[in-house]
């Protein structure tokens, strides 16, 4: 990206956008932003919407920067969930994921279910990119996987579809309703982007459990929490209203920004 194109961090440097960035930049939930009917929260969310539309206008279909192999100087750092303990995932892991199936459903013409071997035998893409974490660290790694667009071509999205929701095997804490499964989402611009892949390989090796095996979504123009691990299912939807707390992701439900473009 050239210097003439503003980065997201430059866009949110001013006024309320800057306040939003500071409030959502860490990994703890801020009480004020956690109040659903808070006027401050509503104002910040509108500011985040502006960031999204301006960023989309500026970057269009631009690619995230890719690096030479010489820039891979350390293993991809695991963080967040690194070894899910749900019975379903443990059973899959014990069988080396031979029974894994990725379902793709929702607002699609042809719902499908893919085994890991089927995904590995589809057209693939390898890219060396930088993972930027909301915590402030980054890491360059080589990712190999099936372009998400290949899967979307097969299932054929219906006109009402606006987003893809990624449902995962890992859980994050618990509440009155039991353990909360991690989930994330993206719009169709990122879903069709050539660098958005269903990754099954990392640095020329099989994707390890600590980094999201058997499948991790790579959305290279977004921060790390937008790239969910331990993928279980993909659902095409028109809105997030009936999913989680309605904000489009586990962390978004707890105050983070839905659009985390970089």
Protein backbone atom coordinates (compact mmCIF):
# COMPACT_ATOMS: atom_id res chain seq x y z
CA UNK A 1 0.00 0.00 0.00
CA UNK A 2 1.41 3.42 -0.94
CA UNK A 3 1.97 6.21 1.54
CA UNK A 4 -0.84 8.21 -0.03
CA UNK A 5 -3.40 5.72 1.23
CA UNK A 6 -4.35 6.24 4.86
CA UNK A 7 -4.02 3.31 7.20
CA UNK A 8 -6.80 2.42 9.55
CA UNK A 9 -4.76 3.60 12.51
CA UNK A 10 -4.35 7.00 10.88
CA UNK A 11 -8.08 7.22 10.27
CA UNK A 12 -8.95 6.51 13.89
CA UNK A 13 -6.41 8.89 15.35
CA UNK A 14 -8.90 11.73 15.63
CA UNK A 15 -11.60 12.48 18.20
CA UNK A 16 -14.02 9.72 19.01
CA UNK A 17 -12.33 7.32 16.61
CA UNK A 18 -9.14 7.64 18.59
CA UNK A 19 -11.06 7.02 21.81
CA UNK A 20 -12.55 3.90 20.26
CA UNK A 21 -9.14 2.59 19.31
CA UNK A 22 -7.79 3.10 22.82
CA UNK A 23 -10.80 1.51 24.46
CA UNK A 24 -10.78 -1.57 22.27
CA UNK A 25 -7.05 -2.04 21.82
CA UNK A 26 -6.51 -4.35 24.79
CA UNK A 27 -7.84 -7.76 25.70
CA UNK A 28 -10.01 -6.72 28.65
CA UNK A 29 -13.63 -5.65 28.39
CA UNK A 30 -14.28 -2.02 29.24
CA UNK A 31 -17.39 -1.66 31.42
CA UNK A 32 -18.66 1.46 29.68
CA UNK A 33 -18.50 -0.11 26.24
CA UNK A 34 -20.08 -3.28 27.60
CA UNK A 35 -23.33 -1.43 28.37
CA UNK A 36 -25.60 -2.12 25.43
CA UNK A 37 -27.63 1.10 25.71
CA UNK A 38 -24.69 3.38 26.50
CA UNK A 39 -24.74 6.61 24.47
CA UNK A 40 -20.95 6.50 24.40
CA UNK A 41 -20.99 2.96 23.03
CA UNK A 42 -23.52 3.90 20.36
CA UNK A 43 -21.41 6.88 19.33
CA UNK A 44 -18.26 4.76 19.15
CA UNK A 45 -20.04 2.13 17.06
CA UNK A 46 -21.11 4.78 14.54
CA UNK A 47 -17.51 5.99 14.41
CA UNK A 48 -16.38 2.43 13.74
CA UNK A 49 -18.88 2.18 10.89
CA UNK A 50 -17.35 5.32 9.36
CA UNK A 51 -13.88 3.80 9.66
CA UNK A 52 -15.12 0.68 7.85
CA UNK A 53 -16.67 2.51 4.91
CA UNK A 54 -13.75 4.90 4.46
CA UNK A 55 -11.21 2.09 4.67
CA UNK A 56 -13.14 -0.03 2.17
CA UNK A 57 -13.27 2.94 -0.21
CA UNK A 58 -9.55 3.61 0.08
CA UNK A 59 -8.09 0.12 -0.17
CA UNK A 60 -10.55 -1.55 -2.54
CA UNK A 61 -9.18 -4.97 -3.51
CA UNK A 62 -5.58 -4.21 -2.54
CA UNK A 63 -3.49 -7.14 -1.32
CA UNK A 64 -1.87 -7.37 2.07
CA UNK A 65 1.90 -7.17 1.83
CA UNK A 66 3.65 -10.48 1.19
CA UNK A 67 7.22 -11.18 2.29
CA UNK A 68 10.20 -13.27 1.15
CA UNK A 69 11.02 -16.44 3.10
CA UNK A 70 14.06 -14.72 4.58
CA UNK A 71 11.69 -12.65 6.72
CA UNK A 72 10.40 -15.77 8.55
CA UNK A 73 12.61 -15.56 11.62
CA UNK A 74 10.56 -17.29 14.31
CA UNK A 75 7.67 -19.76 14.59
CA UNK A 76 4.16 -18.38 14.41
CA UNK A 77 3.34 -17.38 17.98
CA UNK A 78 0.34 -19.27 19.43
CA UNK A 79 -2.07 -17.19 21.49
CA UNK A 80 -5.61 -17.33 22.77
CA UNK A 81 -6.91 -20.91 22.64
CA UNK A 82 -4.05 -23.31 21.93
CA UNK A 83 -5.52 -26.73 22.78
CA UNK A 84 -9.33 -26.97 22.82
CA UNK A 85 -10.75 -29.42 25.33
CA UNK A 86 -14.27 -29.90 23.99
CA UNK A 87 -15.10 -33.62 23.61
CA UNK A 88 -15.86 -33.25 19.90
CA UNK A 89 -12.50 -31.63 19.18
CA UNK A 90 -10.54 -34.07 21.34
CA UNK A 91 -12.09 -36.99 19.44
CA UNK A 92 -11.12 -35.45 16.11
CA UNK A 93 -7.59 -34.77 17.28
CA UNK A 94 -7.17 -38.32 18.60
CA UNK A 95 -8.00 -39.62 15.10
CA UNK A 96 -5.60 -37.15 13.44
CA UNK A 97 -8.66 -35.27 12.11
CA UNK A 98 -9.59 -38.11 9.76
CA UNK A 99 -13.25 -37.61 10.67
CA UNK A 100 -13.20 -33.83 10.25
CA UNK A 101 -15.96 -32.24 8.19
CA UNK A 102 -16.32 -28.53 7.45
CA UNK A 103 -19.95 -27.66 6.82
CA UNK A 104 -20.93 -24.65 4.72
CA UNK A 105 -24.57 -23.68 5.09
CA UNK A 106 -27.01 -20.83 5.60
CA UNK A 107 -27.86 -18.56 2.68
CA UNK A 108 -26.30 -20.80 0.01
CA UNK A 109 -27.82 -22.58 -2.96
CA UNK A 110 -25.94 -25.84 -2.35
CA UNK A 111 -24.93 -26.58 1.25
CA UNK A 112 -21.82 -28.73 1.39
CA UNK A 113 -19.57 -30.57 3.81
CA UNK A 114 -15.85 -31.01 3.18
CA UNK A 115 -13.35 -33.45 4.63
CA UNK A 116 -9.82 -32.30 5.34
CA UNK A 117 -8.49 -34.34 2.42
CA UNK A 118 -11.06 -32.77 0.09
CA UNK A 119 -9.97 -29.29 1.11
CA UNK A 120 -6.31 -30.21 0.63
CA UNK A 121 -7.04 -31.49 -2.88
CA UNK A 122 -8.74 -28.29 -3.99
CA UNK A 123 -6.82 -25.41 -5.62
CA UNK A 124 -4.43 -23.94 -3.07
CA UNK A 125 -2.63 -20.71 -2.33
CA UNK A 126 0.57 -20.10 -0.34
CA UNK A 127 1.37 -16.66 1.04
CA UNK A 128 3.92 -15.21 3.44
CA UNK A 129 2.22 -12.50 5.45
CA UNK A 130 2.46 -10.66 8.75
CA UNK A 131 0.07 -11.50 11.54
CA UNK A 132 -0.71 -8.40 13.62
CA UNK A 133 -2.21 -9.02 17.06
CA UNK A 134 -4.40 -6.50 18.88
CA UNK A 135 -2.01 -7.00 21.83
CA UNK A 136 0.72 -5.21 19.86
CA UNK A 137 2.97 -8.00 18.57
CA UNK A 138 3.42 -9.27 15.01
CA UNK A 139 4.86 -12.36 13.33
CA UNK A 140 5.64 -13.27 9.71
CA UNK A 141 4.74 -16.79 8.57
CA UNK A 142 3.97 -18.84 5.48
CA UNK A 143 0.38 -20.05 5.19
CA UNK A 144 -1.02 -22.60 2.75
CA UNK A 145 -4.68 -23.34 2.21
CA UNK A 146 -7.75 -23.38 0.03
CA UNK A 147 -8.93 -19.95 -1.14
CA UNK A 148 -12.30 -19.34 0.46
CA UNK A 149 -13.55 -18.12 -2.92
CA UNK A 150 -13.18 -21.65 -4.31
CA UNK A 151 -15.62 -22.95 -1.70
CA UNK A 152 -18.00 -20.05 -2.27
CA UNK A 153 -18.03 -20.79 -5.99
CA UNK A 154 -19.23 -24.31 -5.20
CA UNK A 155 -21.93 -23.47 -2.67
CA UNK A 156 -23.18 -20.36 -4.52
CA UNK A 157 -24.25 -17.61 -2.15
CA UNK A 158 -27.85 -16.45 -2.26
CA UNK A 159 -28.52 -12.73 -2.99
CA UNK A 160 -29.56 -12.10 0.63
CA UNK A 161 -26.16 -13.19 1.99
CA UNK A 162 -24.11 -10.29 3.36
CA UNK A 163 -21.66 -11.94 5.76
CA UNK A 164 -19.94 -15.21 6.52
CA UNK A 165 -19.88 -16.44 10.12
CA UNK A 166 -17.10 -18.80 11.18
CA UNK A 167 -18.07 -21.19 13.98
CA UNK A 168 -15.20 -22.80 15.91
CA UNK A 169 -14.50 -25.75 18.20
CA UNK A 170 -12.72 -23.78 20.92
CA UNK A 171 -14.51 -22.22 23.85
CA UNK A 172 -13.66 -19.03 25.70
CA UNK A 173 -14.65 -19.01 29.36
CA UNK A 174 -18.16 -19.74 30.50
CA UNK A 175 -21.32 -17.99 31.56
CA UNK A 176 -24.83 -18.80 32.71
CA UNK A 177 -25.45 -20.50 29.37
CA UNK A 178 -22.33 -22.65 29.59
CA UNK A 179 -19.06 -22.38 27.64
CA UNK A 180 -19.08 -19.80 24.83
CA UNK A 181 -17.77 -21.13 21.53
CA UNK A 182 -15.51 -18.77 19.64
CA UNK A 183 -16.92 -17.35 16.44
CA UNK A 184 -16.01 -14.63 13.98
CA UNK A 185 -17.30 -13.15 10.76
CA UNK A 186 -16.37 -11.15 7.70
CA UNK A 187 -18.14 -9.30 4.92
CA UNK A 188 -18.21 -10.56 1.35
CA UNK A 189 -15.40 -8.24 0.26
CA UNK A 190 -13.02 -10.10 2.57
CA UNK A 191 -14.65 -13.45 1.87
CA UNK A 192 -13.90 -13.18 -1.86
CA UNK A 193 -10.48 -11.60 -1.41
CA UNK A 194 -7.72 -13.76 -3.01
CA UNK A 195 -5.66 -13.82 0.20
CA UNK A 196 -8.52 -15.12 2.34
CA UNK A 197 -7.78 -18.81 2.72
CA UNK A 198 -8.80 -21.84 4.76
CA UNK A 199 -5.29 -22.59 5.98
CA UNK A 200 -4.17 -26.17 6.68
CA UNK A 201 -0.42 -25.57 6.39
CA UNK A 202 2.03 -23.37 8.30
CA UNK A 203 5.68 -22.83 7.33
CA UNK A 204 5.66 -25.87 5.02
CA UNK A 205 4.30 -28.15 7.75
CA UNK A 206 0.85 -29.37 8.67
CA UNK A 207 -0.93 -26.70 10.71
CA UNK A 208 -0.29 -27.57 14.38
CA UNK A 209 -2.97 -27.71 17.04
CA UNK A 210 -1.49 -24.71 18.85
CA UNK A 211 -2.09 -22.57 15.75
CA UNK A 212 -5.60 -23.79 14.94
CA UNK A 213 -5.58 -27.27 13.37
CA UNK A 214 -7.10 -28.60 11.30
CA UNK A 215 -8.29 -25.38 9.61
CA UNK A 216 -7.68 -21.75 10.43
CA UNK A 217 -9.19 -18.86 8.50
CA UNK A 218 -6.64 -16.33 7.26
CA UNK A 219 -8.10 -12.89 6.50
CA UNK A 220 -4.82 -11.12 5.89
CA UNK A 221 -6.10 -7.54 5.89
CA UNK A 222 -7.49 -7.85 9.41
CA UNK A 223 -6.08 -8.10 12.94
CA UNK A 224 -5.44 -11.52 14.46
CA UNK A 225 -8.70 -11.93 16.36
CA UNK A 226 -10.51 -11.80 13.01
CA UNK A 227 -8.69 -14.97 11.87
CA UNK A 228 -10.43 -17.76 13.76
CA UNK A 229 -8.82 -21.11 14.57
CA UNK A 230 -10.28 -24.62 14.90
CA UNK A 231 -12.89 -23.96 12.23
CA UNK A 232 -16.02 -26.11 12.53
CA UNK A 233 -18.55 -24.52 10.16
CA UNK A 234 -19.18 -21.57 7.86
CA UNK A 235 -22.61 -19.97 7.76
CA UNK A 236 -23.76 -17.37 5.23
CA UNK A 237 -26.13 -14.87 6.86
CA UNK A 238 -27.88 -11.59 6.20
CA UNK A 239 -27.27 -10.25 9.73
CA UNK A 240 -25.75 -11.18 13.10
CA UNK A 241 -28.93 -10.52 15.10
CA UNK A 242 -29.51 -14.15 16.14
CA UNK A 243 -25.86 -15.15 16.60
CA UNK A 244 -24.09 -14.69 19.94
CA UNK A 245 -24.84 -11.22 21.24
CA UNK A 246 -25.45 -9.91 17.74
CA UNK A 247 -22.14 -8.09 17.14
CA UNK A 248 -20.49 -10.51 14.71
CA UNK A 249 -17.83 -12.16 16.86
CA UNK A 250 -16.85 -13.39 20.31
CA UNK A 251 -14.67 -10.35 21.09
CA UNK A 252 -16.99 -7.96 19.30
CA UNK A 253 -19.77 -9.12 21.62
CA UNK A 254 -17.51 -7.93 24.43
CA UNK A 255 -16.66 -4.49 23.06
CA UNK A 256 -14.11 -4.97 20.28
CA UNK A 257 -14.56 -3.44 16.84
CA UNK A 258 -16.15 -5.63 14.20
CA UNK A 259 -14.03 -4.19 11.42
CA UNK A 260 -10.35 -4.61 12.37
CA UNK A 261 -8.69 -3.77 9.06
CA UNK A 262 -5.01 -2.87 8.95
